[in-house]
N, C-alpha and C. Protein backbone atom coordinates (compact mmCIF):
# COMPACT_ATOMS: atom_id res chain seq x y z
N UNK A 1 0.83 -1.20 0.00
CA UNK A 1 0.00 0.00 0.00
C UNK A 1 0.87 1.25 0.00
N UNK A 2 0.39 2.29 -0.66
CA UNK A 2 1.20 3.49 -0.82
C UNK A 2 1.49 4.18 0.49
N UNK A 3 0.59 4.04 1.47
CA UNK A 3 0.77 4.75 2.72
C UNK A 3 1.50 3.92 3.77
N UNK A 4 1.99 2.74 3.38
CA UNK A 4 2.73 1.91 4.32
C UNK A 4 4.07 2.56 4.64
N UNK A 5 4.39 2.62 5.91
CA UNK A 5 5.65 3.22 6.33
C UNK A 5 6.72 2.14 6.50
N UNK A 6 7.94 2.51 6.13
CA UNK A 6 9.05 1.55 6.17
C UNK A 6 10.10 1.99 7.17
N UNK A 7 10.53 1.05 7.98
CA UNK A 7 11.56 1.28 9.00
C UNK A 7 12.76 0.40 8.68
N UNK A 8 13.94 0.95 8.79
CA UNK A 8 15.17 0.18 8.62
C UNK A 8 15.81 -0.01 10.00
N UNK A 9 16.06 -1.26 10.35
CA UNK A 9 16.72 -1.59 11.61
C UNK A 9 18.14 -2.07 11.32
N UNK A 10 19.12 -1.37 11.86
CA UNK A 10 20.52 -1.79 11.77
C UNK A 10 20.83 -2.61 13.02
N UNK A 11 21.30 -3.83 12.79
CA UNK A 11 21.44 -4.77 13.90
C UNK A 11 20.20 -5.63 13.97
N UNK A 12 19.74 -6.07 12.81
CA UNK A 12 18.45 -6.74 12.72
C UNK A 12 18.39 -8.11 13.36
N UNK A 13 19.55 -8.76 13.60
CA UNK A 13 19.52 -10.07 14.23
C UNK A 13 19.80 -10.00 15.73
N UNK A 14 20.04 -8.80 16.24
CA UNK A 14 20.18 -8.68 17.70
C UNK A 14 18.85 -8.91 18.38
N UNK A 15 18.91 -9.21 19.66
CA UNK A 15 17.66 -9.52 20.38
C UNK A 15 16.69 -8.35 20.35
N UNK A 16 17.19 -7.14 20.55
CA UNK A 16 16.32 -5.96 20.50
C UNK A 16 15.80 -5.76 19.09
N UNK A 17 16.66 -5.92 18.10
CA UNK A 17 16.25 -5.73 16.72
C UNK A 17 15.16 -6.69 16.29
N UNK A 18 15.27 -7.95 16.69
CA UNK A 18 14.25 -8.94 16.36
C UNK A 18 12.92 -8.61 17.04
N UNK A 19 12.99 -8.23 18.30
CA UNK A 19 11.77 -7.89 19.03
C UNK A 19 11.10 -6.65 18.44
N UNK A 20 11.92 -5.65 18.10
CA UNK A 20 11.37 -4.43 17.52
C UNK A 20 10.74 -4.70 16.16
N UNK A 21 11.36 -5.55 15.36
CA UNK A 21 10.80 -5.88 14.04
C UNK A 21 9.42 -6.49 14.18
N UNK A 22 9.26 -7.40 15.14
CA UNK A 22 7.97 -8.02 15.34
C UNK A 22 6.90 -7.04 15.76
N UNK A 23 7.25 -6.15 16.65
CA UNK A 23 6.27 -5.16 17.14
C UNK A 23 5.91 -4.15 16.04
N UNK A 24 6.90 -3.71 15.30
CA UNK A 24 6.63 -2.76 14.22
C UNK A 24 5.81 -3.41 13.11
N UNK A 25 6.13 -4.65 12.79
CA UNK A 25 5.36 -5.35 11.76
C UNK A 25 3.92 -5.52 12.19
N UNK A 26 3.71 -5.84 13.47
CA UNK A 26 2.34 -5.99 13.99
C UNK A 26 1.58 -4.67 13.94
N UNK A 27 2.31 -3.55 13.94
CA UNK A 27 1.70 -2.23 13.85
C UNK A 27 1.62 -1.75 12.40
N UNK A 28 1.81 -2.69 11.46
CA UNK A 28 1.64 -2.44 10.02
C UNK A 28 2.75 -1.61 9.38
N UNK A 29 3.93 -1.63 9.99
CA UNK A 29 5.09 -1.06 9.33
C UNK A 29 5.78 -2.15 8.50
N UNK A 30 6.42 -1.75 7.44
CA UNK A 30 7.34 -2.63 6.71
C UNK A 30 8.71 -2.46 7.35
N UNK A 31 9.36 -3.55 7.67
CA UNK A 31 10.64 -3.49 8.38
C UNK A 31 11.73 -4.17 7.55
N UNK A 32 12.74 -3.40 7.19
CA UNK A 32 13.93 -3.95 6.55
C UNK A 32 15.03 -4.04 7.60
N UNK A 33 15.48 -5.25 7.86
CA UNK A 33 16.44 -5.49 8.94
C UNK A 33 17.81 -5.82 8.36
N UNK A 34 18.78 -4.96 8.62
CA UNK A 34 20.14 -5.16 8.11
C UNK A 34 20.87 -6.19 8.97
N UNK A 35 21.40 -7.20 8.31
CA UNK A 35 22.15 -8.26 9.00
C UNK A 35 23.46 -8.51 8.25
N UNK A 36 24.44 -9.00 8.96
CA UNK A 36 25.74 -9.30 8.33
C UNK A 36 25.79 -10.72 7.80
N UNK A 37 25.17 -11.64 8.52
CA UNK A 37 25.25 -13.06 8.18
C UNK A 37 23.97 -13.51 7.48
N UNK A 38 24.06 -13.93 6.22
CA UNK A 38 22.85 -14.35 5.51
C UNK A 38 22.15 -15.54 6.16
N UNK A 39 22.87 -16.31 6.97
CA UNK A 39 22.25 -17.44 7.65
C UNK A 39 21.21 -17.00 8.68
N UNK A 40 21.22 -15.73 9.04
CA UNK A 40 20.27 -15.21 10.02
C UNK A 40 18.97 -14.72 9.38
N UNK A 41 18.87 -14.86 8.06
CA UNK A 41 17.70 -14.36 7.36
C UNK A 41 16.39 -14.97 7.82
N UNK A 42 16.39 -16.27 8.06
CA UNK A 42 15.15 -16.93 8.48
C UNK A 42 14.67 -16.42 9.83
N UNK A 43 15.60 -16.16 10.74
CA UNK A 43 15.23 -15.62 12.05
C UNK A 43 14.55 -14.26 11.89
N UNK A 44 15.10 -13.44 11.01
CA UNK A 44 14.54 -12.10 10.77
C UNK A 44 13.14 -12.22 10.16
N UNK A 45 12.99 -13.10 9.18
CA UNK A 45 11.67 -13.28 8.55
C UNK A 45 10.65 -13.76 9.57
N UNK A 46 11.05 -14.70 10.42
CA UNK A 46 10.14 -15.22 11.44
C UNK A 46 9.70 -14.12 12.39
N UNK A 47 10.62 -13.20 12.69
CA UNK A 47 10.30 -12.09 13.60
C UNK A 47 9.37 -11.07 12.96
N UNK A 48 9.42 -10.97 11.62
CA UNK A 48 8.56 -10.00 10.94
C UNK A 48 9.29 -9.02 10.06
N UNK A 49 10.62 -9.18 9.95
CA UNK A 49 11.40 -8.26 9.14
C UNK A 49 11.81 -8.86 7.81
N UNK A 50 12.26 -8.00 6.91
CA UNK A 50 12.82 -8.42 5.63
C UNK A 50 14.33 -8.33 5.72
N UNK A 51 15.04 -9.45 5.63
CA UNK A 51 16.50 -9.40 5.80
C UNK A 51 17.19 -8.68 4.65
N UNK A 52 18.11 -7.80 5.01
CA UNK A 52 18.95 -7.10 4.04
C UNK A 52 20.40 -7.37 4.45
N UNK A 53 21.12 -8.11 3.64
CA UNK A 53 22.48 -8.50 4.00
C UNK A 53 23.46 -7.39 3.63
N UNK A 54 24.09 -6.84 4.67
CA UNK A 54 25.06 -5.76 4.49
C UNK A 54 25.95 -5.72 5.73
N UNK A 55 27.24 -5.73 5.52
CA UNK A 55 28.20 -5.67 6.63
C UNK A 55 28.44 -4.20 6.99
N UNK A 56 27.78 -3.73 8.03
CA UNK A 56 27.85 -2.30 8.35
C UNK A 56 29.25 -1.88 8.79
N UNK A 57 30.05 -2.83 9.24
CA UNK A 57 31.42 -2.49 9.66
C UNK A 57 32.24 -1.98 8.48
N UNK A 58 31.88 -2.44 7.28
CA UNK A 58 32.64 -2.07 6.09
C UNK A 58 31.81 -1.32 5.05
N UNK A 59 30.51 -1.21 5.27
CA UNK A 59 29.64 -0.57 4.29
C UNK A 59 29.91 0.93 4.21
N UNK A 60 29.87 1.45 3.01
CA UNK A 60 30.08 2.88 2.80
C UNK A 60 28.79 3.65 3.09
N UNK A 61 28.92 4.96 3.15
CA UNK A 61 27.75 5.82 3.32
C UNK A 61 26.77 5.59 2.17
N UNK A 62 27.28 5.50 0.95
CA UNK A 62 26.40 5.31 -0.21
C UNK A 62 25.69 3.97 -0.15
N UNK A 63 26.37 2.93 0.30
CA UNK A 63 25.73 1.61 0.41
C UNK A 63 24.61 1.64 1.45
N UNK A 64 24.86 2.30 2.57
CA UNK A 64 23.80 2.43 3.58
C UNK A 64 22.66 3.29 3.03
N UNK A 65 23.01 4.35 2.34
CA UNK A 65 21.99 5.24 1.80
C UNK A 65 21.06 4.51 0.83
N UNK A 66 21.60 3.56 0.08
CA UNK A 66 20.77 2.82 -0.87
C UNK A 66 19.70 2.00 -0.17
N UNK A 67 19.99 1.56 1.06
CA UNK A 67 19.00 0.82 1.85
C UNK A 67 18.03 1.78 2.51
N UNK A 68 18.53 2.91 2.97
CA UNK A 68 17.69 3.88 3.70
C UNK A 68 16.71 4.62 2.80
N UNK A 69 17.04 4.75 1.53
CA UNK A 69 16.25 5.60 0.62
C UNK A 69 14.76 5.26 0.68
N UNK A 70 13.95 6.27 0.96
CA UNK A 70 12.51 6.09 1.02
C UNK A 70 11.98 5.62 2.36
N UNK A 71 12.87 5.37 3.33
CA UNK A 71 12.42 4.92 4.65
C UNK A 71 11.86 6.08 5.45
N UNK A 72 11.04 5.76 6.43
CA UNK A 72 10.49 6.77 7.33
C UNK A 72 11.33 6.95 8.58
N UNK A 73 12.12 5.94 8.94
CA UNK A 73 12.98 6.04 10.12
C UNK A 73 14.05 4.98 10.04
N UNK A 74 15.17 5.27 10.68
CA UNK A 74 16.27 4.32 10.84
C UNK A 74 16.46 4.07 12.33
N UNK A 75 16.62 2.81 12.69
CA UNK A 75 16.91 2.42 14.07
C UNK A 75 18.30 1.80 14.10
N UNK A 76 19.20 2.39 14.89
CA UNK A 76 20.54 1.81 15.04
C UNK A 76 20.57 1.01 16.34
N UNK A 77 20.54 -0.31 16.19
CA UNK A 77 20.54 -1.20 17.35
C UNK A 77 21.64 -2.24 17.23
N UNK A 78 22.69 -1.87 16.50
CA UNK A 78 23.82 -2.79 16.31
C UNK A 78 24.85 -2.59 17.40
N UNK A 79 25.71 -3.57 17.56
CA UNK A 79 26.81 -3.46 18.52
C UNK A 79 27.81 -4.56 18.27
N UNK A 80 29.06 -4.26 18.55
CA UNK A 80 30.12 -5.24 18.30
C UNK A 80 30.15 -6.33 19.36
N UNK A 81 29.48 -6.10 20.47
CA UNK A 81 29.43 -7.12 21.50
C UNK A 81 30.55 -7.08 22.51
N UNK A 82 31.44 -6.12 22.37
CA UNK A 82 32.53 -5.98 23.34
C UNK A 82 33.64 -7.00 23.10
N UNK A 83 34.73 -6.82 23.84
CA UNK A 83 35.83 -7.77 23.77
C UNK A 83 36.93 -7.39 22.82
N UNK A 84 36.61 -6.63 21.78
CA UNK A 84 37.61 -6.21 20.80
C UNK A 84 37.49 -4.70 20.63
N UNK A 85 38.38 -3.93 21.24
CA UNK A 85 38.26 -2.48 21.20
C UNK A 85 38.21 -1.90 19.79
N UNK A 86 39.01 -2.47 18.87
CA UNK A 86 39.02 -1.94 17.50
C UNK A 86 37.68 -2.17 16.82
N UNK A 87 37.13 -3.36 16.98
CA UNK A 87 35.85 -3.65 16.33
C UNK A 87 34.72 -2.87 17.02
N UNK A 88 34.82 -2.70 18.32
CA UNK A 88 33.83 -1.89 19.03
C UNK A 88 33.79 -0.48 18.46
N UNK A 89 34.96 0.12 18.25
CA UNK A 89 35.01 1.46 17.67
C UNK A 89 34.47 1.45 16.24
N UNK A 90 34.82 0.40 15.48
CA UNK A 90 34.41 0.32 14.09
C UNK A 90 32.89 0.23 13.94
N UNK A 91 32.25 -0.51 14.83
CA UNK A 91 30.79 -0.71 14.73
C UNK A 91 30.03 0.36 15.50
N UNK A 92 30.35 0.50 16.78
CA UNK A 92 29.54 1.35 17.65
C UNK A 92 29.76 2.85 17.42
N UNK A 93 30.89 3.20 16.84
CA UNK A 93 31.10 4.61 16.51
C UNK A 93 31.15 4.85 15.01
N UNK A 94 32.11 4.22 14.33
CA UNK A 94 32.30 4.55 12.92
C UNK A 94 31.09 4.17 12.06
N UNK A 95 30.57 2.97 12.23
CA UNK A 95 29.40 2.56 11.45
C UNK A 95 28.18 3.41 11.82
N UNK A 96 28.08 3.76 13.10
CA UNK A 96 26.95 4.59 13.53
C UNK A 96 27.01 5.96 12.87
N UNK A 97 28.19 6.55 12.81
CA UNK A 97 28.30 7.88 12.20
C UNK A 97 28.08 7.82 10.69
N UNK A 98 28.50 6.73 10.05
CA UNK A 98 28.20 6.59 8.62
C UNK A 98 26.69 6.44 8.40
N UNK A 99 26.02 5.75 9.32
CA UNK A 99 24.57 5.61 9.22
C UNK A 99 23.88 6.97 9.35
N UNK A 100 24.40 7.81 10.25
CA UNK A 100 23.84 9.16 10.37
C UNK A 100 24.02 9.94 9.08
N UNK A 101 25.22 9.84 8.50
CA UNK A 101 25.50 10.55 7.25
C UNK A 101 24.60 10.04 6.13
N UNK A 102 24.38 8.73 6.09
CA UNK A 102 23.53 8.15 5.06
C UNK A 102 22.08 8.59 5.22
N UNK A 103 21.61 8.66 6.46
CA UNK A 103 20.25 9.12 6.70
C UNK A 103 20.10 10.57 6.25
N UNK A 104 21.08 11.38 6.58
CA UNK A 104 21.05 12.78 6.17
C UNK A 104 21.09 12.91 4.65
N UNK A 105 21.92 12.10 4.02
CA UNK A 105 22.06 12.14 2.57
C UNK A 105 20.76 11.79 1.85
N UNK A 106 20.00 10.88 2.42
CA UNK A 106 18.77 10.42 1.75
C UNK A 106 17.52 11.14 2.25
N UNK A 107 17.70 12.06 3.19
CA UNK A 107 16.55 12.80 3.69
C UNK A 107 15.69 12.05 4.67
N UNK A 108 16.24 11.00 5.27
CA UNK A 108 15.50 10.27 6.32
C UNK A 108 15.81 10.96 7.64
N UNK A 109 14.90 11.77 8.10
CA UNK A 109 15.17 12.62 9.27
C UNK A 109 15.10 11.86 10.59
N UNK A 110 14.22 10.88 10.68
CA UNK A 110 13.98 10.21 11.97
C UNK A 110 15.03 9.13 12.20
N UNK A 111 15.75 9.24 13.31
CA UNK A 111 16.86 8.33 13.60
C UNK A 111 16.78 7.95 15.07
N UNK A 112 16.61 6.67 15.34
CA UNK A 112 16.52 6.16 16.72
C UNK A 112 17.82 5.44 17.05
N UNK A 113 18.52 5.91 18.06
CA UNK A 113 19.76 5.29 18.50
C UNK A 113 19.53 4.53 19.80
N UNK A 114 19.86 3.24 19.80
CA UNK A 114 19.83 2.47 21.04
C UNK A 114 21.20 2.57 21.68
N UNK A 115 21.29 3.30 22.77
CA UNK A 115 22.53 3.50 23.49
C UNK A 115 22.42 2.77 24.84
N UNK A 116 22.90 3.38 25.90
CA UNK A 116 22.69 2.80 27.23
C UNK A 116 22.72 3.92 28.25
N UNK A 117 22.15 3.66 29.41
CA UNK A 117 21.87 4.72 30.38
C UNK A 117 23.11 5.44 30.88
N UNK A 118 24.25 4.78 30.92
CA UNK A 118 25.45 5.42 31.46
C UNK A 118 26.36 6.04 30.42
N UNK A 119 25.90 6.12 29.17
CA UNK A 119 26.78 6.58 28.09
C UNK A 119 27.27 8.01 28.28
N UNK A 120 26.50 8.82 28.95
CA UNK A 120 26.91 10.20 29.13
C UNK A 120 27.93 10.42 30.22
N UNK A 121 28.06 9.46 31.15
CA UNK A 121 28.93 9.67 32.31
C UNK A 121 30.08 8.69 32.43
N UNK A 122 29.95 7.50 31.85
CA UNK A 122 30.93 6.46 32.12
C UNK A 122 32.35 6.83 31.69
N UNK A 123 32.49 7.59 30.59
CA UNK A 123 33.87 7.91 30.17
C UNK A 123 34.55 8.84 31.15
N UNK A 124 33.79 9.50 32.00
CA UNK A 124 34.36 10.39 33.00
C UNK A 124 34.65 9.67 34.32
N UNK A 125 34.01 8.52 34.52
CA UNK A 125 34.22 7.82 35.80
C UNK A 125 34.94 6.49 35.65
N UNK A 126 35.16 6.03 34.43
CA UNK A 126 35.90 4.79 34.21
C UNK A 126 37.35 5.09 33.87
N UNK A 127 38.24 4.25 34.36
CA UNK A 127 39.64 4.34 33.95
C UNK A 127 39.76 3.85 32.51
N UNK A 128 40.62 4.48 31.76
CA UNK A 128 40.78 4.12 30.34
C UNK A 128 41.28 2.70 30.15
N UNK A 129 41.82 2.09 31.20
CA UNK A 129 42.28 0.70 31.10
C UNK A 129 41.16 -0.29 31.38
N UNK A 130 40.01 0.20 31.83
CA UNK A 130 38.88 -0.68 32.10
C UNK A 130 38.41 -1.32 30.80
N UNK A 131 38.12 -2.61 30.83
CA UNK A 131 37.73 -3.32 29.60
C UNK A 131 36.44 -2.80 29.00
N UNK A 132 35.62 -2.13 29.81
CA UNK A 132 34.35 -1.59 29.32
C UNK A 132 34.53 -0.22 28.67
N UNK A 133 35.68 0.40 28.91
CA UNK A 133 35.88 1.79 28.47
C UNK A 133 35.74 1.97 26.96
N UNK A 134 36.30 1.08 26.11
CA UNK A 134 36.15 1.30 24.66
C UNK A 134 34.68 1.36 24.22
N UNK A 135 33.84 0.52 24.82
CA UNK A 135 32.42 0.56 24.48
C UNK A 135 31.79 1.87 24.96
N UNK A 136 32.10 2.24 26.21
CA UNK A 136 31.56 3.48 26.76
C UNK A 136 31.98 4.67 25.91
N UNK A 137 33.22 4.71 25.48
CA UNK A 137 33.72 5.81 24.65
C UNK A 137 33.02 5.83 23.30
N UNK A 138 32.88 4.67 22.67
CA UNK A 138 32.24 4.61 21.35
C UNK A 138 30.80 5.06 21.42
N UNK A 139 30.07 4.61 22.44
CA UNK A 139 28.65 4.99 22.54
C UNK A 139 28.52 6.47 22.89
N UNK A 140 29.34 6.95 23.80
CA UNK A 140 29.33 8.37 24.17
C UNK A 140 29.57 9.24 22.94
N UNK A 141 30.60 8.90 22.18
CA UNK A 141 30.97 9.73 21.04
C UNK A 141 29.94 9.65 19.92
N UNK A 142 29.36 8.46 19.71
CA UNK A 142 28.32 8.33 18.69
C UNK A 142 27.09 9.14 19.08
N UNK A 143 26.72 9.08 20.34
CA UNK A 143 25.57 9.86 20.80
C UNK A 143 25.83 11.36 20.64
N UNK A 144 27.05 11.78 20.97
CA UNK A 144 27.40 13.19 20.83
C UNK A 144 27.34 13.63 19.38
N UNK A 145 27.81 12.78 18.48
CA UNK A 145 27.77 13.09 17.05
C UNK A 145 26.33 13.22 16.57
N UNK A 146 25.47 12.36 17.07
CA UNK A 146 24.07 12.40 16.67
C UNK A 146 23.40 13.69 17.16
N UNK A 147 23.74 14.11 18.36
CA UNK A 147 23.17 15.36 18.89
C UNK A 147 23.62 16.57 18.06
N UNK A 148 24.80 16.49 17.46
CA UNK A 148 25.31 17.58 16.63
C UNK A 148 24.65 17.61 15.25
N UNK A 149 24.00 16.53 14.88
CA UNK A 149 23.42 16.41 13.54
C UNK A 149 22.12 17.21 13.44
N UNK A 150 21.60 17.27 12.23
CA UNK A 150 20.32 17.91 11.98
C UNK A 150 19.18 16.89 11.95
N UNK A 151 19.47 15.66 12.32
CA UNK A 151 18.45 14.60 12.28
C UNK A 151 17.46 14.75 13.44
N UNK A 152 16.27 14.24 13.22
CA UNK A 152 15.25 14.19 14.29
C UNK A 152 15.49 12.91 15.09
N UNK A 153 16.50 12.96 15.92
CA UNK A 153 16.94 11.76 16.63
C UNK A 153 16.16 11.57 17.93
N UNK A 154 16.17 10.33 18.39
CA UNK A 154 15.86 9.99 19.77
C UNK A 154 16.92 9.00 20.22
N UNK A 155 17.59 9.29 21.32
CA UNK A 155 18.57 8.37 21.89
C UNK A 155 17.91 7.66 23.06
N UNK A 156 17.86 6.34 22.97
CA UNK A 156 17.25 5.53 24.04
C UNK A 156 18.36 4.89 24.86
N UNK A 157 18.36 5.14 26.17
CA UNK A 157 19.40 4.63 27.05
C UNK A 157 18.85 3.69 28.10
N UNK A 158 18.72 2.41 27.80
CA UNK A 158 18.26 1.46 28.80
C UNK A 158 19.34 1.15 29.83
N UNK A 159 18.91 0.51 30.91
CA UNK A 159 19.85 0.02 31.91
C UNK A 159 20.41 -1.33 31.48
N UNK A 160 20.91 -2.09 32.45
CA UNK A 160 21.44 -3.42 32.15
C UNK A 160 20.34 -4.28 31.55
N UNK A 161 20.61 -4.84 30.38
CA UNK A 161 19.55 -5.51 29.64
C UNK A 161 19.26 -6.91 30.18
N UNK A 162 17.97 -7.24 30.19
CA UNK A 162 17.53 -8.56 30.64
C UNK A 162 16.66 -9.20 29.57
N UNK A 163 16.34 -10.46 29.77
CA UNK A 163 15.47 -11.19 28.84
C UNK A 163 14.05 -11.31 29.39
N UNK A 164 13.73 -10.52 30.39
CA UNK A 164 12.37 -10.56 30.95
C UNK A 164 11.36 -10.06 29.92
N UNK A 165 10.13 -10.53 29.99
CA UNK A 165 9.11 -10.04 29.05
C UNK A 165 8.78 -8.58 29.30
N UNK A 166 8.27 -7.93 28.29
CA UNK A 166 7.93 -6.51 28.41
C UNK A 166 6.78 -6.33 29.39
N UNK A 167 6.89 -5.28 30.16
CA UNK A 167 5.78 -4.85 31.02
C UNK A 167 5.08 -3.63 30.43
N UNK A 168 5.78 -2.97 29.50
CA UNK A 168 5.25 -1.73 28.96
C UNK A 168 5.31 -0.58 29.95
N UNK A 169 6.06 -0.79 31.04
CA UNK A 169 6.18 0.23 32.09
C UNK A 169 7.65 0.49 32.38
N UNK A 170 8.00 1.77 32.55
CA UNK A 170 9.39 2.14 32.75
C UNK A 170 9.49 3.25 33.80
N UNK A 171 10.73 3.55 34.16
CA UNK A 171 11.03 4.70 35.03
C UNK A 171 12.19 5.45 34.42
N UNK A 172 12.08 6.77 34.34
CA UNK A 172 13.17 7.57 33.82
C UNK A 172 14.31 7.60 34.82
N UNK A 173 15.53 7.44 34.34
CA UNK A 173 16.70 7.43 35.21
C UNK A 173 16.78 8.73 36.00
N UNK A 174 16.48 9.84 35.35
CA UNK A 174 16.59 11.14 36.01
C UNK A 174 15.63 11.28 37.19
N UNK A 175 14.63 10.42 37.25
CA UNK A 175 13.63 10.56 38.30
C UNK A 175 13.75 9.58 39.45
N UNK A 176 14.71 8.64 39.36
CA UNK A 176 14.74 7.59 40.39
C UNK A 176 15.68 7.92 41.54
N UNK A 177 16.66 8.77 41.34
CA UNK A 177 17.55 9.14 42.43
C UNK A 177 18.66 8.14 42.67
N UNK A 178 19.62 8.55 43.46
CA UNK A 178 20.80 7.72 43.72
C UNK A 178 20.51 6.52 44.60
N UNK A 179 19.35 6.54 45.28
CA UNK A 179 19.04 5.42 46.17
C UNK A 179 18.38 4.26 45.42
N UNK A 180 18.19 4.40 44.13
CA UNK A 180 17.63 3.31 43.33
C UNK A 180 18.63 2.15 43.34
N UNK A 181 18.27 0.97 43.85
CA UNK A 181 19.24 -0.12 44.00
C UNK A 181 19.74 -0.64 42.65
N UNK A 182 20.97 -1.15 42.66
CA UNK A 182 21.56 -1.68 41.42
C UNK A 182 20.70 -2.78 40.83
N UNK A 183 20.06 -3.55 41.67
CA UNK A 183 19.24 -4.67 41.19
C UNK A 183 18.06 -4.20 40.36
N UNK A 184 17.69 -2.93 40.50
CA UNK A 184 16.57 -2.39 39.73
C UNK A 184 17.01 -1.52 38.55
N UNK A 185 18.32 -1.39 38.37
CA UNK A 185 18.82 -0.58 37.26
C UNK A 185 18.93 -1.45 36.00
N UNK A 186 17.83 -2.08 35.68
CA UNK A 186 17.78 -3.03 34.57
C UNK A 186 16.64 -2.64 33.64
N UNK A 187 16.74 -3.12 32.40
CA UNK A 187 15.69 -2.87 31.42
C UNK A 187 15.50 -4.12 30.57
N UNK A 188 14.28 -4.56 30.47
CA UNK A 188 13.96 -5.68 29.59
C UNK A 188 14.22 -5.29 28.14
N UNK A 189 14.85 -6.18 27.40
CA UNK A 189 15.06 -5.92 25.98
C UNK A 189 13.72 -5.68 25.28
N UNK A 190 12.71 -6.39 25.72
CA UNK A 190 11.41 -6.21 25.08
C UNK A 190 10.82 -4.84 25.41
N UNK A 191 11.12 -4.31 26.59
CA UNK A 191 10.70 -2.94 26.89
C UNK A 191 11.45 -1.93 26.01
N UNK A 192 12.71 -2.23 25.68
CA UNK A 192 13.43 -1.37 24.74
C UNK A 192 12.73 -1.37 23.39
N UNK A 193 12.32 -2.56 22.94
CA UNK A 193 11.60 -2.67 21.68
C UNK A 193 10.28 -1.92 21.74
N UNK A 194 9.61 -1.97 22.89
CA UNK A 194 8.37 -1.21 23.06
C UNK A 194 8.63 0.29 22.95
N UNK A 195 9.75 0.74 23.52
CA UNK A 195 10.10 2.16 23.44
C UNK A 195 10.41 2.57 22.00
N UNK A 196 11.12 1.71 21.28
CA UNK A 196 11.40 1.99 19.87
C UNK A 196 10.10 2.18 19.11
N UNK A 197 9.18 1.25 19.28
CA UNK A 197 7.91 1.35 18.58
C UNK A 197 7.15 2.61 18.98
N UNK A 198 7.16 2.93 20.28
CA UNK A 198 6.41 4.08 20.75
C UNK A 198 6.94 5.38 20.16
N UNK A 199 8.25 5.57 20.18
CA UNK A 199 8.77 6.86 19.70
C UNK A 199 8.63 6.99 18.19
N UNK A 200 8.64 5.87 17.47
CA UNK A 200 8.41 5.93 16.03
C UNK A 200 6.94 6.22 15.74
N UNK A 201 6.06 5.49 16.41
CA UNK A 201 4.64 5.60 16.11
C UNK A 201 4.07 6.96 16.50
N UNK A 202 4.56 7.52 17.61
CA UNK A 202 4.00 8.78 18.12
C UNK A 202 4.88 9.98 17.83
N UNK A 203 6.07 9.73 17.27
CA UNK A 203 7.05 10.79 17.04
C UNK A 203 7.41 11.51 18.33
N UNK A 204 7.50 10.76 19.41
CA UNK A 204 7.82 11.32 20.72
C UNK A 204 9.33 11.49 20.87
N UNK A 205 9.70 12.39 21.79
CA UNK A 205 11.09 12.56 22.23
C UNK A 205 12.04 12.92 21.09
N UNK A 206 11.58 13.74 20.16
CA UNK A 206 12.44 14.18 19.06
C UNK A 206 13.55 15.07 19.61
N UNK A 207 14.77 14.77 19.20
CA UNK A 207 15.98 15.47 19.64
C UNK A 207 16.11 15.44 21.17
N UNK A 208 15.77 14.28 21.72
CA UNK A 208 15.90 14.06 23.16
C UNK A 208 16.62 12.75 23.43
N UNK A 209 17.21 12.68 24.62
CA UNK A 209 17.79 11.44 25.15
C UNK A 209 16.90 10.94 26.27
N UNK A 210 16.50 9.69 26.18
CA UNK A 210 15.60 9.11 27.18
C UNK A 210 16.32 7.91 27.82
N UNK A 211 16.79 8.09 29.05
CA UNK A 211 17.41 7.02 29.81
C UNK A 211 16.37 6.41 30.74
N UNK A 212 16.27 5.09 30.74
CA UNK A 212 15.15 4.47 31.45
C UNK A 212 15.49 3.06 31.95
N UNK A 213 14.81 2.72 33.04
CA UNK A 213 14.83 1.36 33.57
C UNK A 213 13.42 0.80 33.50
N UNK A 214 13.29 -0.50 33.75
CA UNK A 214 11.95 -1.04 33.97
C UNK A 214 11.38 -0.36 35.22
N UNK A 215 10.12 -0.02 35.16
CA UNK A 215 9.51 0.69 36.28
C UNK A 215 8.03 0.42 36.40
N UNK A 216 7.31 1.41 36.88
CA UNK A 216 5.89 1.21 37.19
C UNK A 216 4.94 2.12 36.39
N UNK A 217 5.50 2.95 35.52
CA UNK A 217 4.68 3.90 34.79
C UNK A 217 4.58 3.50 33.32
N UNK A 218 3.38 3.46 32.76
CA UNK A 218 3.24 3.10 31.35
C UNK A 218 4.08 4.00 30.45
N UNK A 219 4.64 3.41 29.43
CA UNK A 219 5.53 4.15 28.52
C UNK A 219 4.85 5.40 27.98
N UNK A 220 3.61 5.27 27.53
CA UNK A 220 2.92 6.43 26.95
C UNK A 220 2.82 7.58 27.94
N UNK A 221 2.63 7.26 29.23
CA UNK A 221 2.54 8.30 30.25
C UNK A 221 3.90 8.94 30.52
N UNK A 222 4.94 8.11 30.57
CA UNK A 222 6.28 8.61 30.81
C UNK A 222 6.73 9.54 29.69
N UNK A 223 6.33 9.21 28.47
CA UNK A 223 6.80 9.97 27.32
C UNK A 223 5.96 11.23 27.05
N UNK A 224 4.94 11.49 27.85
CA UNK A 224 4.16 12.71 27.71
C UNK A 224 4.82 13.81 28.53
N UNK A 225 5.85 14.40 27.99
CA UNK A 225 6.60 15.41 28.73
C UNK A 225 7.08 16.47 27.79
């Protein structure tokens, strides 16, 4: 149908990407999910997405732009998975910035970045020798680059990710205070997918960063601000 909206998910075989594809497809979006390994195509199709094989670590801006062209939004939910600082920088920063450039080049204004709740502070409180530092630096710098862009971005910063089912309820990090226990500084991957769908469907939180944990307030209510 001519009025069908298309979403491109980068990191289409990740757990969040698969969950988001299913929710967006159920809401009548067409979802093109970028994956590196063609063997993951069946998983993407089962979730509700259309697999697009492209290695974002090496893809050029023009190659990304060819996939983005005509899309209504891009979701960056890819990650190198840690363990290799060079690859972490290549995927979580360099590929992310090329995706921003490609979105800008093709006129796709809406850009959803899946980051994490500590991305704004961790590089200031972690020692550079900490094994987590390369990831924290890459995400911090990618988020900063996105804020400098002219894109209608939303940066989503979940807490420590879990495999619990979605509750559809969250708490903003800025509202919980320092006494919020570490055991509650978690976010269900499916709640992240719910947030992705919500900000796309309602166009909420444009040019905003939303850091959140699982909580007690419905997403729609939290995002009315």
